[in-house]
Protein backbone atom coordinates (compact mmCIF):
# COMPACT_ATOMS: atom_id res chain seq x y z
CA MET A 1 24.74 0.04 -16.60
CA ARG A 2 23.04 -3.49 -17.02
CA MET A 3 20.92 -4.73 -13.91
CA THR A 4 18.05 -7.26 -14.05
CA VAL A 5 14.96 -6.86 -11.65
CA ILE A 6 13.92 -9.98 -10.27
CA GLY A 7 10.03 -10.11 -9.53
CA THR A 8 7.81 -7.92 -11.48
CA GLY A 9 5.11 -6.91 -8.79
CA TYR A 10 4.20 -3.81 -7.94
CA VAL A 11 7.80 -2.90 -6.29
CA GLY A 12 9.63 -4.64 -9.37
CA VAL A 13 7.78 -3.16 -12.49
CA VAL A 14 7.90 0.41 -10.81
CA HIS A 15 11.63 -0.03 -10.50
CA ALA A 16 12.46 -1.48 -13.82
CA ALA A 17 10.97 0.84 -16.20
CA CYS A 18 12.22 4.02 -13.93
CA MET A 19 15.49 2.61 -14.47
CA ALA A 20 15.29 1.95 -17.82
CA ASP A 21 13.74 5.53 -18.28
CA ILE A 22 16.87 6.84 -16.44
CA GLY A 23 19.14 5.14 -18.97
CA HIS A 24 19.99 1.76 -17.97
CA GLU A 25 19.89 -1.45 -19.71
CA VAL A 26 17.25 -3.54 -17.57
CA LEU A 27 15.84 -7.17 -17.62
CA GLY A 28 12.82 -7.91 -15.65
CA VAL A 29 12.31 -11.23 -14.57
CA ASP A 30 9.39 -13.23 -13.32
CA ILE A 31 8.04 -16.65 -13.14
CA ASP A 32 4.84 -16.32 -14.31
CA GLU A 33 4.56 -16.68 -18.47
CA GLU A 34 1.51 -14.26 -18.84
CA ARG A 35 2.62 -11.57 -17.16
CA VAL A 36 5.94 -11.35 -18.70
CA ALA A 37 4.09 -11.57 -21.79
CA ALA A 38 1.90 -8.62 -21.05
CA LEU A 39 4.79 -6.84 -19.60
CA THR A 40 6.86 -7.40 -22.81
CA ALA A 41 3.85 -5.93 -25.10
CA GLY A 42 3.83 -3.17 -22.51
CA HIS A 43 0.97 -3.69 -20.33
CA ALA A 44 1.29 -3.06 -16.51
CA PRO A 45 -0.15 -5.94 -14.25
CA ILE A 46 -1.49 -2.75 -12.12
CA TYR A 47 -3.02 0.99 -12.07
CA GLU A 48 -0.32 3.29 -11.00
CA ALA A 49 -0.55 6.82 -12.36
CA GLY A 50 1.94 7.45 -15.40
CA LEU A 51 3.08 3.60 -15.51
CA ASN A 52 1.51 1.99 -18.59
CA ALA A 53 3.06 5.14 -20.64
CA LEU A 54 6.26 4.79 -18.86
CA LEU A 55 6.23 1.03 -19.41
CA ALA A 56 5.12 1.21 -23.04
CA ARG A 57 8.48 3.64 -24.03
CA THR A 58 10.99 2.05 -22.36
CA VAL A 59 10.04 -1.41 -23.76
CA LYS A 60 9.70 0.20 -27.09
CA SER A 61 13.28 2.06 -26.65
CA GLY A 62 14.54 -1.58 -26.02
CA ARG A 63 16.43 -0.45 -22.91
CA LEU A 64 13.81 -2.67 -20.59
CA ARG A 65 12.89 -6.35 -21.75
CA PHE A 66 11.20 -9.23 -20.01
CA SER A 67 12.16 -12.96 -19.05
CA THR A 68 11.06 -16.05 -17.10
CA SER A 69 14.42 -17.10 -16.58
CA THR A 70 16.57 -16.43 -13.69
CA THR A 71 19.53 -18.43 -15.84
CA GLU A 72 19.46 -16.17 -18.19
CA ALA A 73 19.58 -13.36 -15.96
CA ALA A 74 22.63 -13.83 -14.17
CA ARG A 75 24.11 -14.03 -17.70
CA PHE A 76 22.66 -10.64 -18.65
CA ALA A 77 24.33 -8.95 -15.77
CA ARG A 78 26.08 -8.79 -12.53
CA LEU A 79 23.92 -6.44 -10.91
CA HIS A 80 20.24 -7.75 -9.72
CA PHE A 81 17.75 -6.23 -7.87
CA VAL A 82 15.67 -8.76 -5.34
CA CYS A 83 11.73 -7.55 -5.49
CA VAL A 84 9.85 -10.41 -4.74
CA GLY A 85 6.71 -10.38 -1.88
CA THR A 86 7.20 -10.97 1.55
CA PRO A 87 3.94 -11.81 2.75
CA GLN A 88 2.98 -13.12 6.49
CA VAL A 89 3.82 -17.00 7.01
CA PRO A 90 0.96 -19.13 7.26
CA GLY A 91 -1.07 -19.48 10.68
CA GLY A 92 1.30 -16.43 11.65
CA GLU A 93 2.45 -12.87 12.00
CA ALA A 94 6.39 -13.41 10.95
CA ALA A 95 7.56 -12.35 7.13
CA ASP A 96 7.80 -15.30 5.18
CA THR A 97 11.05 -14.63 2.82
CA ARG A 98 11.23 -17.76 0.97
CA HIS A 99 10.59 -16.29 -2.03
CA VAL A 100 13.92 -13.95 -1.68
CA ASP A 101 15.64 -17.12 -0.28
CA ALA A 102 14.54 -18.98 -3.42
CA VAL A 103 16.05 -16.08 -5.88
CA VAL A 104 19.28 -15.87 -4.42
CA ASP A 105 19.85 -19.72 -3.57
CA GLY A 106 18.59 -20.52 -7.49
CA MET A 107 20.83 -17.37 -8.76
CA ALA A 108 24.05 -18.07 -6.74
CA PRO A 109 25.29 -20.63 -8.58
CA HIS A 110 25.01 -18.77 -12.24
CA LEU A 111 26.46 -15.83 -10.73
CA GLN A 112 29.17 -14.21 -12.74
CA PRO A 113 32.27 -13.20 -10.34
CA GLY A 114 32.08 -10.04 -8.95
CA SER A 115 28.18 -10.23 -8.74
CA LEU A 116 25.88 -7.93 -6.59
CA ILE A 117 22.49 -8.84 -5.33
CA VAL A 118 20.64 -6.07 -4.27
CA GLY A 119 17.24 -6.71 -1.84
CA LYS A 120 14.61 -3.86 -2.45
CA SER A 121 12.02 -6.34 -0.42
CA THR A 122 10.88 -5.77 2.86
CA VAL A 123 12.87 -8.54 4.76
CA PRO A 124 12.79 -8.66 8.77
CA VAL A 125 16.51 -7.47 10.29
CA GLY A 126 19.36 -10.00 9.77
CA THR A 127 18.17 -11.27 6.27
CA THR A 128 21.11 -10.12 4.47
CA ALA A 129 23.46 -11.60 7.11
CA ARG A 130 21.90 -14.77 6.91
CA LEU A 131 21.40 -14.52 3.08
CA ALA A 132 25.19 -13.39 2.56
CA ALA A 133 26.65 -16.38 4.62
CA ARG A 134 24.64 -18.53 2.42
CA LEU A 135 25.68 -16.80 -0.99
CA ARG A 136 29.72 -16.72 0.08
CA ALA A 137 29.24 -20.35 0.48
CA VAL A 138 28.38 -20.81 -3.63
CA ALA A 139 29.12 -17.55 -5.08
CA PRO A 140 32.22 -16.59 -2.89
CA HIS A 141 33.10 -13.67 -5.16
CA SER A 142 29.75 -12.00 -4.98
CA GLU A 143 28.08 -10.08 -2.41
CA ILE A 144 24.44 -8.89 -1.33
CA ALA A 145 23.60 -5.26 -0.42
CA TRP A 146 19.59 -4.34 1.00
CA ASN A 147 18.16 -1.00 -0.83
CA PRO A 148 14.78 -1.01 0.98
CA GLU A 149 11.82 1.09 -1.00
CA PHE A 150 9.79 3.75 0.05
CA LEU A 151 7.04 3.76 -2.13
CA ARG A 152 3.80 5.09 -1.97
CA GLU A 153 1.01 3.49 -3.95
CA GLY A 154 -0.69 6.14 -6.48
CA PHE A 155 2.62 7.63 -6.54
CA ALA A 156 5.32 5.22 -6.91
CA VAL A 157 6.71 6.14 -10.42
CA ALA A 158 7.27 9.56 -8.86
CA ASP A 159 8.47 8.14 -5.46
CA THR A 160 11.21 6.27 -7.54
CA ARG A 161 12.04 9.78 -9.81
CA ARG A 162 12.49 11.86 -7.05
CA PRO A 163 12.42 9.54 -3.79
CA GLU A 164 12.82 11.08 -0.54
CA ARG A 165 15.77 9.53 0.34
CA ILE A 166 17.69 6.48 -0.81
CA VAL A 167 19.09 3.85 1.73
CA VAL A 168 21.28 1.25 0.95
CA GLY A 169 22.98 -1.39 3.17
CA VAL A 170 26.05 -2.41 2.14
CA GLU A 171 29.61 -4.05 3.08
CA SER A 172 31.96 -3.00 0.86
CA ARG A 173 33.18 0.30 -0.81
CA ARG A 174 31.99 -1.47 -4.16
CA ALA A 175 28.88 -1.80 -3.48
CA GLU A 176 28.16 1.55 -2.16
CA ALA A 177 30.21 2.77 -5.43
CA THR A 178 28.13 0.95 -7.71
CA LEU A 179 24.96 1.85 -6.19
CA ARG A 180 25.58 5.35 -6.09
CA GLU A 181 26.59 5.20 -10.08
CA ILE A 182 23.02 3.29 -10.37
CA TYR A 183 21.15 6.45 -8.77
CA GLU A 184 23.58 9.30 -9.91
CA PRO A 185 20.80 11.39 -11.49
CA MET A 186 18.52 11.38 -8.62
CA LEU A 187 21.83 12.41 -6.25
CA ILE A 188 22.64 15.13 -8.72
CA SER A 189 19.16 16.36 -7.98
CA GLY A 190 19.99 16.58 -4.27
CA VAL A 191 18.55 13.15 -3.01
CA PRO A 192 19.84 12.64 0.26
CA PHE A 193 21.96 9.25 0.45
CA PHE A 194 22.15 6.66 3.54
CA SER A 195 25.45 4.40 3.28
CA THR A 196 25.21 2.19 6.31
CA ASP A 197 25.56 -1.41 7.36
CA PRO A 198 22.42 -3.80 6.21
CA ALA A 199 20.38 -4.21 9.30
CA THR A 200 20.13 -0.53 10.01
CA ALA A 201 19.15 -0.30 6.40
CA GLU A 202 16.79 -3.26 7.09
CA LEU A 203 15.23 -1.34 9.94
CA VAL A 204 14.71 2.06 8.53
CA LYS A 205 12.19 0.49 6.34
CA VAL A 206 10.14 -1.01 8.99
CA ALA A 207 10.51 1.58 11.35
CA SER A 208 9.24 4.23 8.72
CA ASN A 209 6.00 2.09 8.52
CA ALA A 210 5.82 1.33 11.84
CA PHE A 211 6.06 5.01 13.12
CA LEU A 212 3.22 6.22 10.20
CA ALA A 213 1.22 3.48 11.25
CA THR A 214 1.21 4.51 14.79
CA LYS A 215 0.56 8.23 13.62
CA ILE A 216 -2.65 6.52 11.83
CA SER A 217 -3.94 4.80 14.81
CA PHE A 218 -2.86 7.35 17.31
CA ILE A 219 -5.67 9.92 15.32
CA ASN A 220 -7.98 7.12 15.30
CA ALA A 221 -7.86 6.36 18.82
CA MET A 222 -9.03 9.76 19.69
CA ALA A 223 -11.07 9.48 17.55
CA GLU A 224 -13.15 7.02 19.96
CA VAL A 225 -12.51 9.85 22.71
CA CYS A 226 -13.91 12.30 20.53
CA ASP A 227 -16.87 10.04 19.93
CA ALA A 228 -17.52 9.32 23.54
CA ALA A 229 -17.21 13.07 24.55
CA GLY A 230 -19.03 14.51 21.77
CA ALA A 231 -15.88 16.31 20.19
CA ASP A 232 -15.22 16.53 17.17
CA VAL A 233 -11.73 14.96 15.86
CA VAL A 234 -11.52 16.83 12.80
CA THR A 235 -10.49 19.77 14.19
CA LEU A 236 -8.49 18.11 16.97
CA ALA A 237 -6.41 17.00 14.06
CA GLU A 238 -6.24 20.15 12.71
CA ALA A 239 -5.38 21.86 15.67
CA VAL A 240 -2.56 19.10 16.86
CA GLY A 241 -0.91 19.39 13.37
CA GLN A 242 0.00 22.91 13.47
CA ASP A 243 2.57 21.84 16.29
CA SER A 244 5.22 21.38 13.80
CA ARG A 245 7.02 19.00 15.98
CA ILE A 246 3.88 16.83 15.06
CA GLY A 247 2.70 17.81 11.41
CA HIS A 248 -0.48 17.41 9.93
CA ARG A 249 0.74 14.32 7.06
CA PHE A 250 -0.91 10.74 8.33
CA LEU A 251 -3.26 12.49 10.80
CA GLN A 252 -6.27 12.45 9.30
CA PRO A 253 -8.96 10.14 11.26
CA GLY A 254 -11.03 7.65 9.56
CA LEU A 255 -11.63 4.03 8.13
CA GLY A 256 -7.54 3.01 9.21
CA PHE A 257 -4.65 1.74 7.10
CA GLY A 258 -4.87 -1.00 4.84
CA GLY A 259 -2.74 -2.56 1.79
CA SER A 260 0.17 -4.89 1.43
CA CYS A 261 2.46 -3.21 3.74
CA PHE A 262 1.57 -1.65 7.00
CA PRO A 263 -0.49 -4.78 8.22
CA LYS A 264 2.06 -6.96 7.96
CA ASP A 265 5.07 -5.10 7.93
CA ILE A 266 4.24 -4.03 11.64
CA ARG A 267 2.97 -7.66 12.91
CA ALA A 268 6.41 -9.18 11.22
CA PHE A 269 8.63 -6.04 12.76
CA ALA A 270 6.97 -7.20 16.38
CA ALA A 271 7.76 -11.21 15.38
CA ARG A 272 11.24 -10.07 14.61
CA ALA A 273 11.37 -8.11 17.58
CA GLU A 274 10.19 -10.76 19.89
CA GLU A 275 12.75 -13.44 18.09
CA LEU A 276 15.72 -11.07 19.14
CA GLY A 277 14.30 -11.08 22.87
CA VAL A 278 13.12 -6.86 22.89
CA GLY A 279 9.80 -7.94 21.99
CA ASP A 280 8.85 -5.53 24.86
CA SER A 281 10.23 -2.76 23.09
CA ILE A 282 7.60 -2.57 20.63
CA ALA A 283 4.79 -3.92 21.79
CA PHE A 284 2.50 -0.97 21.51
CA LEU A 285 2.22 -1.87 17.70
CA HIS A 286 0.03 -4.73 18.51
CA GLN A 287 -1.94 -2.38 20.02
CA VAL A 288 -1.74 0.15 16.67
CA ASP A 289 -2.79 -3.08 15.21
CA GLU A 290 -6.07 -3.61 17.13
CA ILE A 291 -6.68 0.09 17.16
CA ASN A 292 -6.73 0.07 12.82
CA THR A 293 -8.82 -3.35 13.11
CA ARG A 294 -11.22 -1.85 15.25
CA GLN A 295 -12.27 1.17 12.98
CA ARG A 296 -13.37 -1.35 10.43
CA ARG A 297 -15.85 -2.80 13.52
CA ARG A 298 -16.78 0.50 14.55
CA THR A 299 -17.30 1.63 10.59
CA VAL A 300 -19.92 -1.47 10.64
CA ASP A 301 -21.84 -0.73 14.39
CA MET A 302 -22.38 3.09 13.08
CA ALA A 303 -23.84 1.39 9.44
CA ARG A 304 -26.17 -0.24 11.39
CA ASN A 305 -27.46 2.13 13.65
CA LEU A 306 -27.97 3.97 10.64
CA VAL A 307 -29.98 1.67 9.11
CA GLY A 308 -32.16 1.09 12.32
CA GLY A 309 -30.37 -1.68 14.15
CA SER A 310 -30.28 -4.26 11.59
CA PHE A 311 -29.03 -4.84 7.59
CA THR A 312 -31.76 -7.27 6.91
CA ASP A 313 -33.52 -6.16 3.69
CA ARG A 314 -31.36 -2.81 3.67
CA ARG A 315 -29.44 -1.70 0.39
CA ILE A 316 -25.87 -0.38 1.22
CA ALA A 317 -24.45 1.58 -1.27
CA VAL A 318 -20.15 1.61 -1.05
CA LEU A 319 -18.16 4.26 -2.62
CA GLY A 320 -14.69 2.64 -2.59
CA ALA A 321 -12.86 -0.68 -2.81
CA ALA A 322 -9.11 0.04 -2.99
CA PHE A 323 -7.20 -0.16 -0.07
CA LYS A 324 -6.74 3.41 -0.75
CA PRO A 325 -7.21 6.13 -3.44
CA GLU A 326 -5.07 6.20 -6.72
CA SER A 327 -4.79 2.20 -7.11
CA ASP A 328 -6.56 -0.85 -7.99
CA ASP A 329 -4.71 -2.84 -4.96
CA VAL A 330 -7.56 -4.23 -2.38
CA ARG A 331 -5.04 -6.61 -0.64
CA ASP A 332 -6.46 -6.03 2.90
CA SER A 333 -8.51 -3.32 1.84
CA PRO A 334 -10.49 -2.22 4.97
CA ALA A 335 -13.30 -0.42 2.45
CA LEU A 336 -13.83 -4.39 0.96
CA ASP A 337 -13.73 -5.81 4.66
CA VAL A 338 -16.36 -3.42 5.78
CA ALA A 339 -18.40 -3.90 2.45
CA ALA A 340 -18.41 -7.48 2.44
CA SER A 341 -19.06 -7.97 6.80
CA ILE A 342 -21.89 -5.95 5.70
CA ARG A 343 -23.08 -8.23 3.21
CA ARG A 344 -22.48 -11.27 5.34
CA VAL A 345 -25.57 -9.88 8.08
CA GLY A 346 -28.43 -9.40 5.38
CA ALA A 347 -27.53 -6.70 3.23
CA GLU A 348 -27.79 -5.99 -0.12
CA VAL A 349 -24.19 -4.25 -1.08
CA ARG A 350 -23.62 -2.36 -4.47
CA VAL A 351 -19.80 -1.36 -4.51
CA HIS A 352 -18.11 1.63 -6.73
CA ASP A 353 -14.55 2.20 -7.75
CA PRO A 354 -12.73 4.51 -10.47
CA GLU A 355 -10.03 1.50 -10.84
CA ALA A 356 -10.45 -1.32 -8.65
CA VAL A 357 -13.82 -3.20 -9.57
CA ASP A 358 -12.04 -6.00 -11.18
CA ASN A 359 -9.65 -7.19 -8.60
CA ALA A 360 -12.72 -6.68 -6.11
CA ARG A 361 -14.91 -8.62 -7.84
CA ARG A 362 -12.25 -11.61 -8.09
CA LYS A 363 -11.38 -11.12 -3.87
CA PHE A 364 -15.44 -11.06 -3.05
CA PRO A 365 -17.63 -12.43 -5.96
CA GLY A 366 -20.85 -12.05 -4.03
CA LEU A 367 -20.63 -8.11 -3.46
CA GLN A 368 -22.26 -6.25 -6.49
CA TYR A 369 -20.08 -3.79 -8.18
CA THR A 370 -20.50 -0.93 -10.74
CA LEU A 371 -18.97 1.44 -12.55
CA ASP A 372 -21.46 3.79 -12.29
CA VAL A 373 -21.83 5.77 -8.79
CA PRO A 374 -25.61 6.77 -9.12
CA LYS A 375 -26.41 2.87 -10.10
CA ALA A 376 -24.46 1.73 -6.89
CA CYS A 377 -26.58 4.45 -4.83
CA GLU A 378 -29.87 3.55 -6.58
CA ASP A 379 -32.85 3.03 -3.64
CA ALA A 380 -29.86 2.68 -1.15
CA ASP A 381 -30.65 2.96 2.30
CA LEU A 382 -27.54 3.91 3.59
CA VAL A 383 -24.59 5.26 0.97
CA LEU A 384 -20.72 4.56 3.07
CA HIS A 385 -17.75 6.60 1.57
CA LEU A 386 -14.69 3.98 2.44
CA THR A 387 -12.35 5.07 -0.18
CA ALA A 388 -11.13 8.76 -0.63
CA TRP A 389 -10.98 8.98 -4.31
CA PRO A 390 -11.39 12.62 -5.52
CA GLU A 391 -13.92 11.93 -7.53
CA TYR A 392 -16.08 11.10 -4.48
CA ARG A 393 -15.71 15.02 -3.52
CA GLU A 394 -17.16 16.17 -6.62
CA ILE A 395 -20.18 14.43 -6.33
CA SER A 396 -23.29 16.32 -6.27
CA PRO A 397 -25.48 15.37 -2.98
CA ALA A 398 -27.99 17.64 -4.68
CA GLU A 399 -28.28 15.14 -8.20
CA LEU A 400 -27.66 12.18 -5.91
CA GLY A 401 -30.54 12.45 -3.67
CA PRO A 402 -33.52 11.91 -5.68
CA VAL A 403 -31.77 8.46 -6.33
CA VAL A 404 -31.16 7.01 -2.54
CA ARG A 405 -34.12 5.90 -0.51
CA SER A 406 -32.47 7.75 2.39
CA ARG A 407 -30.29 10.49 2.23
CA LYS A 408 -27.80 9.09 4.82
CA ILE A 409 -24.30 8.81 4.15
CA LEU A 410 -21.57 7.87 6.29
CA ASP A 411 -17.66 9.17 5.68
CA ALA A 412 -15.68 7.13 6.97
CA ARG A 413 -12.41 8.85 5.61
CA ASP A 414 -13.59 12.52 6.43
CA THR A 415 -12.87 14.03 3.58
CA LEU A 416 -16.18 15.43 2.11
CA ASP A 417 -17.72 18.52 2.61
CA ALA A 418 -20.18 18.48 5.47
CA ALA A 419 -21.85 21.60 4.94
CA SER A 420 -22.67 20.77 1.08
CA TRP A 421 -24.32 17.83 1.74
CA GLN A 422 -26.44 19.06 4.51
CA SER A 423 -27.34 21.46 2.75
CA ALA A 424 -28.76 18.96 0.28
CA GLY A 425 -30.87 17.71 2.84
CA TRP A 426 -28.17 14.82 3.85
CA THR A 427 -27.42 13.24 7.15
CA LEU A 428 -23.70 13.25 6.98
CA SER A 429 -22.05 10.83 9.84
CA ALA A 430 -18.86 10.31 10.21
CA LEU A 431 -16.09 8.49 12.95
CA GLY A 432 -15.22 10.77 15.74
CA ARG A 433 -17.33 13.65 14.46
CA PRO A 434 -20.75 14.86 16.00
CA ARG A 435 -23.53 13.92 13.49
CA ILE A 436 -24.67 16.54 10.68
CA SER A 437 -28.46 16.37 9.95
CA GLY A 438 -29.72 18.36 6.61
CA ALA A 439 -33.34 19.82 6.78
CA TYR A 440 -34.46 17.23 4.72
CA ALA A 441 -33.31 14.16 5.58
CA ALA A 442 -35.00 10.95 5.86
């Protein structure tokens, strides 16, 4: 089928490349001319496993190309995916849907009869109905549906090719049939397909993110209790996760969630519930958000205690800048937030990350950056492990020991092998765990 993908950010570029890869003819559209030029040359704007090769292959095949013209997009196809951002409104918590609105309003006068606009952006419940009314006034023979994305950064290509489920919110059998045809290769392989009303489809995405965020904040709240009681939150999480009703996924204690989805989505969900008069039903999400933010403050406070109560004239090594491993995304990164907070109160901070250094430098130019772990840790009074990249689990504590000034590490992701660090003479601290000291710790 012919289709367009409007917006070539994280969701859009992955969706466009994957749709072209399964055989569709795709036109990606973005107002950023430099981005379009880079995409046309086969270069992805983000780091995502397998994406560059996929993009280069589909562009070369001729099934994927890019443009800056929504008018061209309307002429190119009758099927249009909207993948633009929905950040928080300035100074508030609600979702800012102005970019989604602009796409629909801009394309409506140019749409071919029988066109279908399919939203993939995360939006407040009721958005599809609101936009459908506006679309009917200008293009009465076209319609709008919602098909939320459920991509995990670092696994987006795999999640698009083999999603855990496909959810579509439609108002006609024609729209459902079109979406079934688009995703036929996935459906043949057994991917569950849920066809429902647009409001339910919109809610599935925000409800999923709210539940996962709640699970993360729950175990981090338990970490606070463990700190107060002298218990071990890692063992607690392992034991609790054995319950099949609960499970282990998203039950890892640590620095908390960040990125472009969870924080803004739970705030926007709570704001929309208030507008609908049911704010009390999900008021707990405010506490979920506060627990998550508090983990960053707790990490800074623990780091301060580990260097003697003050960061003045202290050198801190930070391992990790991206908000999660296998990504170069630093939007609302807990790691960068902690690093910047420590620098603001007097420390010299050196940051390492396998992929996110360039993005981090643009956001916080006052921090020092390096692509070499030993260089980041040179003469450090404390090492902070803030993003759980697999590379950091491969570090040799014995080899790193002579590089630092003091063999102290704060594992804010609770993923390092504590025994190996202890045996190499390090003092390892973590949120919700008793401190483990080695024989040669400074």
